[in-house]
Amino acid sequence: MLSGQAAQAAAGDCPTKGVKELTGAGSTFDFPLFSKMFDEYNKLCGVKVNYQSIGSGGGIRQLQEMTVDFGASDGIMTEQQLAQAKGGPVLHVPVTAGAEAVVYNLPGIARGAIKLTPDVLADIYLKKITKWDDQHIKALNPNVSLPNLDIAVVHRSDGSGTTYIFTDYLSKVSKDWSDKVGTATSVNWPGDIGGAGNEGVANQVRQIPGAIGYVELAYAMQNNMPWALVRNKAGTFMPPSLEGAAAAADVQSLPDDMKVMVTNSANQYAYPISGFSWMLIYADQKDAARGDAVAHLAWWMIHDGQKYSKALLYAPLAPAAVQKAESLIRQVKVANKPILAGN
């Protein structure tokens, strides 16, 4: 259910100053959803959105250099990244929420058959646990015939918001991880194998027996990959799901700037490795026509665009998040004049 603003005529979400093409770059986490959204927006408004699925780190860099109209990230920009943004203040407009599946390649072991606790998952990625039949994994999975197979730890090789969510989660559940590795779009991995994009990680896991990795849920589904159940903060072993992501994102008091991480949520129904994804937009637009087009696109995405989320396994924004997103989009201005002041 969306806010009352969603009832406006769909055509009102189209740009008013003649722009027919926009460019964006960033998150691969978002790409399946963005592909659908932008295709539908083009049908509605005749505006083609060229989106480069290059990873959140790349999207942030292109936004900083002002070579795209917007960026997309699943990680919050750092103070240093914000300071290096040539166009001034950057707004983080939430457009969706999603879950990250912990996927594995264990021949003969089905989806959901493996249970992992936060500490065991962290120790696998810290390379403290290196075999699938390690006693710590066996204790959680007494009825599973675990092989004496090396765990090939797969991670992202590029700057990634998917990595930001994953490392934010590990930092919350493991002091060792927090002290040694930390949270970022790109970290010094203790692990083995890198893959570019969610696609690259999925491909590496599929090719290597014994591999483990983390990918956005849609990629795990598309590739028919098995995933682990991860114990949430309430003590329940949860599969990745849009419902679990929605529960994690259903935060009682959201900050006005929407720079909030929802990993390791205390909500009993939450999947613990979940997060928002943001459209990154300059608050002060230099080009009136392009600024108008970006603001209208963002407004459509947080309203009518949300109806495409569930079928693609993303969590639609809750009304409270939509309200915060509306307030942020209303801050987008040209020559100090808000573009969508009347919305």
Protein backbone atom coordinates (compact mmCIF):
# COMPACT_ATOMS: atom_id res chain seq x y z
CA MET A 1 0.00 0.00 0.00
CA LEU A 2 1.44 3.36 -1.02
CA SER A 3 0.84 6.84 0.29
CA GLY A 4 -2.01 9.03 -0.95
CA GLN A 5 0.35 10.71 -3.39
CA ALA A 6 0.34 7.51 -5.46
CA ALA A 7 -3.23 8.16 -6.55
CA GLN A 8 -2.16 10.95 -8.86
CA ALA A 9 -2.46 10.36 -12.59
CA ALA A 10 0.45 8.29 -13.88
CA ALA A 11 1.13 10.74 -16.70
CA GLY A 12 1.90 13.35 -14.03
CA ASP A 13 5.09 11.40 -13.29
CA CYS A 14 6.51 12.16 -16.75
CA PRO A 15 9.13 14.88 -17.31
CA THR A 16 7.79 18.26 -18.41
CA LYS A 17 10.81 19.73 -20.20
CA GLY A 18 11.33 17.39 -23.14
CA VAL A 19 14.15 15.13 -21.93
CA LYS A 20 13.89 11.72 -23.64
CA GLU A 21 16.97 9.96 -22.25
CA LEU A 22 18.63 9.63 -18.84
CA THR A 23 21.73 7.79 -17.67
CA GLY A 24 22.33 6.03 -14.38
CA ALA A 25 24.94 3.66 -12.99
CA GLY A 26 25.64 1.54 -9.97
CA SER A 27 24.03 -1.30 -8.04
CA THR A 28 23.86 -4.76 -9.62
CA PHE A 29 21.61 -5.69 -6.64
CA ASP A 30 18.92 -3.48 -8.22
CA PHE A 31 19.42 -4.43 -11.84
CA PRO A 32 16.59 -6.99 -12.27
CA LEU A 33 14.10 -4.54 -10.76
CA PHE A 34 15.48 -1.48 -12.54
CA SER A 35 15.34 -3.25 -15.90
CA LYS A 36 11.60 -3.79 -15.45
CA MET A 37 10.92 -0.36 -13.95
CA PHE A 38 12.80 1.54 -16.65
CA ASP A 39 11.16 -0.46 -19.43
CA GLU A 40 7.72 0.39 -18.04
CA TYR A 41 8.66 4.04 -17.53
CA ASN A 42 9.79 4.28 -21.15
CA LYS A 43 6.41 2.90 -22.27
CA LEU A 44 4.60 5.42 -20.07
CA CYS A 45 6.67 8.54 -20.66
CA GLY A 46 8.84 7.92 -23.72
CA VAL A 47 11.97 8.40 -21.60
CA LYS A 48 14.75 5.86 -22.09
CA VAL A 49 16.85 5.22 -18.99
CA ASN A 50 20.28 3.83 -19.83
CA TYR A 51 21.41 2.08 -16.65
CA GLN A 52 24.89 0.60 -16.27
CA SER A 53 24.89 -2.28 -13.78
CA ILE A 54 28.53 -1.82 -12.72
CA GLY A 55 28.32 -2.09 -8.93
CA SER A 56 27.55 0.54 -6.32
CA GLY A 57 31.18 1.66 -6.07
CA GLY A 58 31.31 2.42 -9.79
CA GLY A 59 27.96 4.19 -9.64
CA ILE A 60 29.16 6.40 -6.79
CA ARG A 61 32.32 7.30 -8.74
CA GLN A 62 30.33 8.21 -11.85
CA LEU A 63 27.94 10.32 -9.78
CA GLN A 64 30.91 12.07 -8.14
CA GLU A 65 32.28 12.91 -11.58
CA MET A 66 28.83 14.01 -12.81
CA THR A 67 29.01 11.65 -15.81
CA VAL A 68 25.54 10.20 -15.03
CA ASP A 69 22.19 11.72 -14.06
CA PHE A 70 21.88 9.48 -11.00
CA GLY A 71 23.69 6.73 -9.16
CA ALA A 72 22.32 3.68 -7.35
CA SER A 73 23.80 2.06 -4.27
CA ASP A 74 22.94 -0.44 -1.56
CA GLY A 75 25.60 1.11 0.67
CA ILE A 76 25.56 4.54 2.26
CA MET A 77 28.09 6.98 0.82
CA THR A 78 30.92 7.78 3.24
CA GLU A 79 31.71 11.34 4.35
CA GLN A 80 34.80 11.22 2.13
CA GLN A 81 32.77 10.08 -0.88
CA LEU A 82 30.22 12.83 -0.27
CA ALA A 83 32.98 15.43 0.01
CA GLN A 84 34.35 14.31 -3.37
CA ALA A 85 30.97 14.68 -5.12
CA LYS A 86 31.49 17.51 -7.61
CA GLY A 87 27.80 18.43 -7.80
CA GLY A 88 27.34 19.18 -4.10
CA PRO A 89 25.05 17.47 -1.56
CA VAL A 90 23.78 13.99 -2.53
CA LEU A 91 20.35 12.70 -1.52
CA HIS A 92 19.84 9.00 -0.71
CA VAL A 93 16.32 8.25 -1.98
CA PRO A 94 15.20 4.71 -1.06
CA VAL A 95 13.67 2.87 -4.01
CA THR A 96 13.44 -0.73 -2.78
CA ALA A 97 14.59 -3.21 -0.16
CA GLY A 98 15.95 -6.68 -0.73
CA ALA A 99 17.50 -9.77 0.82
CA GLU A 100 20.90 -11.32 0.20
CA ALA A 101 21.01 -15.09 -0.08
CA VAL A 102 23.98 -17.03 1.27
CA VAL A 103 24.37 -19.50 -1.59
CA TYR A 104 26.44 -22.67 -1.72
CA ASN A 105 27.52 -25.45 -4.06
CA LEU A 106 27.28 -28.77 -2.24
CA PRO A 107 26.34 -31.57 -4.65
CA GLY A 108 23.32 -33.47 -3.39
CA ILE A 109 22.45 -30.97 -0.65
CA ALA A 110 19.22 -29.13 -1.33
CA ARG A 111 18.15 -25.52 -0.92
CA GLY A 112 17.53 -24.65 2.72
CA ALA A 113 19.16 -27.84 4.02
CA ILE A 114 22.10 -25.96 5.56
CA LYS A 115 21.62 -23.83 8.68
CA LEU A 116 24.16 -21.17 9.63
CA THR A 117 24.44 -18.98 12.71
CA PRO A 118 25.89 -15.46 12.49
CA ASP A 119 29.15 -16.45 14.21
CA VAL A 120 29.68 -19.49 11.98
CA LEU A 121 29.04 -17.45 8.82
CA ALA A 122 31.50 -14.80 10.02
CA ASP A 123 34.12 -17.44 10.83
CA ILE A 124 33.72 -18.98 7.35
CA TYR A 125 34.39 -15.57 5.78
CA LEU A 126 37.28 -14.97 8.22
CA LYS A 127 38.75 -18.32 7.05
CA LYS A 128 38.64 -19.72 10.58
CA ILE A 129 36.30 -22.46 9.36
CA THR A 130 37.69 -23.98 6.17
CA LYS A 131 35.93 -27.36 5.72
CA TRP A 132 32.24 -28.12 5.23
CA ASP A 133 32.42 -30.95 7.78
CA ASP A 134 33.87 -28.64 10.45
CA GLN A 135 32.41 -29.46 13.87
CA HIS A 136 30.74 -26.03 14.15
CA ILE A 137 28.78 -26.57 10.92
CA LYS A 138 28.03 -30.20 11.82
CA ALA A 139 26.60 -29.16 15.17
CA LEU A 140 24.05 -26.95 13.40
CA ASN A 141 23.25 -29.59 10.78
CA PRO A 142 23.29 -33.00 12.51
CA ASN A 143 21.03 -34.64 9.91
CA VAL A 144 22.98 -33.47 6.86
CA SER A 145 25.77 -35.58 5.38
CA LEU A 146 28.39 -32.84 5.09
CA PRO A 147 31.34 -33.57 2.78
CA ASN A 148 35.01 -33.27 3.72
CA LEU A 149 35.33 -30.48 1.18
CA ASP A 150 37.26 -27.21 1.31
CA ILE A 151 35.02 -24.15 1.60
CA ALA A 152 35.80 -21.85 -1.34
CA VAL A 153 34.83 -18.40 -0.06
CA VAL A 154 33.52 -16.20 -2.88
CA HIS A 155 33.19 -12.44 -2.54
CA ARG A 156 32.73 -9.41 -4.78
CA SER A 157 35.83 -8.15 -6.58
CA ASP A 158 34.28 -4.76 -7.40
CA GLY A 159 33.00 -1.93 -5.21
CA SER A 160 29.60 -3.20 -4.17
CA GLY A 161 26.58 -2.18 -2.13
CA THR A 162 25.77 -5.88 -1.83
CA THR A 163 29.14 -6.17 -0.07
CA TYR A 164 28.28 -3.13 2.08
CA ILE A 165 25.12 -4.85 3.35
CA PHE A 166 26.92 -8.18 3.87
CA THR A 167 29.92 -6.66 5.69
CA ASP A 168 27.64 -4.39 7.75
CA TYR A 169 25.85 -7.53 8.90
CA LEU A 170 29.09 -9.38 9.70
CA SER A 171 30.41 -6.34 11.59
CA LYS A 172 27.29 -6.33 13.78
CA VAL A 173 27.45 -10.04 14.63
CA SER A 174 31.23 -10.56 14.89
CA LYS A 175 33.62 -8.30 16.82
CA ASP A 176 36.49 -10.10 15.13
CA TRP A 177 35.10 -9.18 11.70
CA SER A 178 34.41 -5.60 12.81
CA ASP A 179 37.97 -5.20 14.13
CA LYS A 180 39.81 -6.92 11.27
CA VAL A 181 37.72 -6.18 8.16
CA GLY A 182 34.86 -3.77 8.85
CA THR A 183 32.04 -2.40 6.70
CA ALA A 184 32.52 -0.92 3.21
CA THR A 185 31.63 -1.36 -0.45
CA SER A 186 35.12 -2.83 -0.88
CA VAL A 187 37.16 -4.49 1.88
CA ASN A 188 40.40 -6.45 2.30
CA TRP A 189 38.88 -9.92 2.12
CA PRO A 190 40.44 -12.76 4.10
CA GLY A 191 38.75 -15.08 1.58
CA ASP A 192 39.56 -16.77 -1.66
CA ILE A 193 37.79 -15.83 -4.87
CA GLY A 194 36.37 -12.62 -6.31
CA GLY A 195 33.51 -12.20 -8.77
CA ALA A 196 32.42 -9.00 -10.53
CA GLY A 197 28.81 -8.10 -9.85
CA ASN A 198 26.11 -10.32 -8.36
CA GLU A 199 26.33 -12.25 -11.65
CA GLY A 200 30.04 -12.92 -11.16
CA VAL A 201 29.61 -14.23 -7.62
CA ALA A 202 26.71 -16.45 -8.71
CA ASN A 203 28.79 -17.86 -11.58
CA GLN A 204 31.79 -18.59 -9.36
CA VAL A 205 29.67 -20.40 -6.77
CA ARG A 206 27.95 -22.47 -9.46
CA GLN A 207 31.28 -23.53 -10.97
CA ILE A 208 33.19 -24.47 -7.79
CA PRO A 209 32.12 -27.45 -5.64
CA GLY A 210 32.32 -26.40 -2.00
CA ALA A 211 31.85 -22.71 -2.77
CA ILE A 212 29.87 -20.26 -0.65
CA GLY A 213 28.87 -16.72 -1.64
CA TYR A 214 26.35 -13.91 -1.17
CA VAL A 215 24.02 -12.61 -3.87
CA GLU A 216 20.80 -10.64 -4.05
CA LEU A 217 17.83 -13.01 -3.85
CA ALA A 218 16.68 -12.47 -7.46
CA TYR A 219 20.05 -13.73 -8.75
CA ALA A 220 19.85 -16.84 -6.55
CA MET A 221 16.36 -17.58 -7.89
CA GLN A 222 17.29 -16.91 -11.53
CA ASN A 223 20.23 -19.31 -11.25
CA ASN A 224 18.26 -21.91 -9.24
CA MET A 225 20.89 -21.86 -6.51
CA PRO A 226 20.57 -23.46 -3.07
CA TRP A 227 20.82 -21.13 -0.10
CA ALA A 228 21.35 -21.43 3.63
CA LEU A 229 18.93 -20.59 6.41
CA VAL A 230 20.53 -17.88 8.55
CA ARG A 231 19.59 -17.46 12.20
CA ASN A 232 18.14 -14.02 12.86
CA LYS A 233 18.49 -11.93 16.02
CA ALA A 234 15.26 -13.41 17.42
CA GLY A 235 16.75 -16.91 17.12
CA THR A 236 14.81 -18.16 14.08
CA PHE A 237 16.55 -19.75 11.09
CA MET A 238 15.23 -17.76 8.12
CA PRO A 239 15.39 -18.24 4.36
CA PRO A 240 16.01 -15.14 2.25
CA SER A 241 12.65 -13.73 1.11
CA LEU A 242 10.97 -10.50 0.14
CA GLU A 243 8.78 -10.89 3.25
CA GLY A 244 11.89 -11.18 5.43
CA ALA A 245 13.41 -8.12 3.76
CA ALA A 246 10.15 -6.19 4.21
CA ALA A 247 10.09 -7.08 7.91
CA ALA A 248 13.68 -5.89 8.31
CA ALA A 249 12.92 -2.63 6.48
CA ASP A 250 9.80 -1.97 8.57
CA VAL A 251 11.63 0.32 10.98
CA GLN A 252 9.52 2.27 13.47
CA SER A 253 11.47 5.52 13.33
CA LEU A 254 13.23 6.11 10.02
CA PRO A 255 15.71 9.00 9.81
CA ASP A 256 14.76 11.88 7.52
CA ASP A 257 17.86 11.37 5.36
CA MET A 258 17.04 7.62 5.04
CA LYS A 259 20.68 6.67 5.57
CA VAL A 260 19.81 3.62 7.62
CA MET A 261 21.05 0.03 7.64
CA VAL A 262 18.54 -2.66 8.64
CA THR A 263 20.83 -5.69 8.90
CA ASN A 264 20.47 -7.96 11.95
CA SER A 265 16.99 -6.60 12.67
CA ALA A 266 15.37 -7.56 15.98
CA ASN A 267 12.04 -8.13 14.16
CA GLN A 268 11.23 -11.82 14.65
CA TYR A 269 10.12 -12.15 11.02
CA ALA A 270 13.16 -10.39 9.55
CA TYR A 271 15.75 -12.01 7.34
CA PRO A 272 19.00 -10.70 8.85
CA ILE A 273 20.98 -9.87 5.69
CA SER A 274 18.59 -7.33 4.18
CA GLY A 275 18.87 -3.69 3.19
CA PHE A 276 17.49 -0.68 1.41
CA SER A 277 18.78 0.37 -1.97
CA TRP A 278 19.03 4.03 -2.81
CA MET A 279 18.87 6.23 -5.87
CA LEU A 280 21.64 8.81 -5.44
CA ILE A 281 20.60 12.23 -6.72
CA TYR A 282 22.24 15.65 -6.48
CA ALA A 283 20.06 18.01 -4.45
CA ASP A 284 21.17 20.95 -6.61
CA GLN A 285 20.61 20.12 -10.25
CA LYS A 286 22.64 22.15 -12.76
CA ASP A 287 20.47 21.45 -15.81
CA ALA A 288 16.79 22.39 -15.42
CA ALA A 289 15.49 19.88 -17.98
CA ARG A 290 17.57 16.92 -16.77
CA GLY A 291 16.86 17.76 -13.14
CA ASP A 292 13.15 17.80 -13.94
CA ALA A 293 13.44 14.39 -15.61
CA VAL A 294 15.40 12.78 -12.74
CA ALA A 295 12.97 14.09 -10.11
CA HIS A 296 9.94 12.82 -12.05
CA LEU A 297 11.57 9.41 -12.60
CA ALA A 298 12.37 9.06 -8.89
CA TRP A 299 8.81 10.09 -7.94
CA TRP A 300 7.37 7.45 -10.27
CA MET A 301 9.76 4.77 -8.95
CA ILE A 302 8.69 5.24 -5.31
CA HIS A 303 4.98 5.21 -6.26
CA ASP A 304 3.71 3.35 -9.34
CA GLY A 305 7.07 1.66 -9.90
CA GLN A 306 6.73 -0.25 -6.63
CA LYS A 307 4.12 -2.58 -8.11
CA TYR A 308 6.87 -4.38 -10.05
CA SER A 309 8.84 -5.25 -6.90
CA LYS A 310 7.20 -8.40 -5.54
CA ALA A 311 7.23 -10.43 -8.75
CA LEU A 312 10.99 -9.85 -8.91
CA LEU A 313 11.49 -10.72 -5.20
CA TYR A 314 12.12 -7.20 -3.92
CA ALA A 315 10.25 -5.68 -0.99
CA PRO A 316 8.03 -2.70 -1.89
CA LEU A 317 8.67 0.36 0.23
CA ALA A 318 6.43 0.62 3.29
CA PRO A 319 4.28 3.78 3.55
CA ALA A 320 6.65 5.36 6.10
CA ALA A 321 9.61 4.90 3.74
CA VAL A 322 7.61 6.29 0.80
CA GLN A 323 6.82 9.37 2.88
CA LYS A 324 10.51 9.94 3.68
CA ALA A 325 11.42 9.39 0.02
CA GLU A 326 8.82 11.96 -1.06
CA SER A 327 10.34 14.53 1.29
CA LEU A 328 13.80 13.87 -0.13
CA ILE A 329 12.68 14.17 -3.76
CA ARG A 330 10.98 17.47 -2.93
CA GLN A 331 14.44 18.74 -1.95
CA VAL A 332 15.74 18.34 -5.52
CA LYS A 333 15.98 21.82 -6.96
CA VAL A 334 17.31 23.94 -9.81
CA ALA A 335 18.57 27.47 -9.09
CA ASN A 336 17.29 27.05 -5.52
CA LYS A 337 13.74 26.33 -6.72
CA PRO A 338 12.25 22.89 -5.84
CA ILE A 339 11.33 20.92 -8.97
CA LEU A 340 8.39 19.00 -7.49
CA ALA A 341 7.24 21.49 -4.88
CA GLY A 342 3.59 20.94 -5.83
CA ASN A 343 3.65 17.14 -5.41
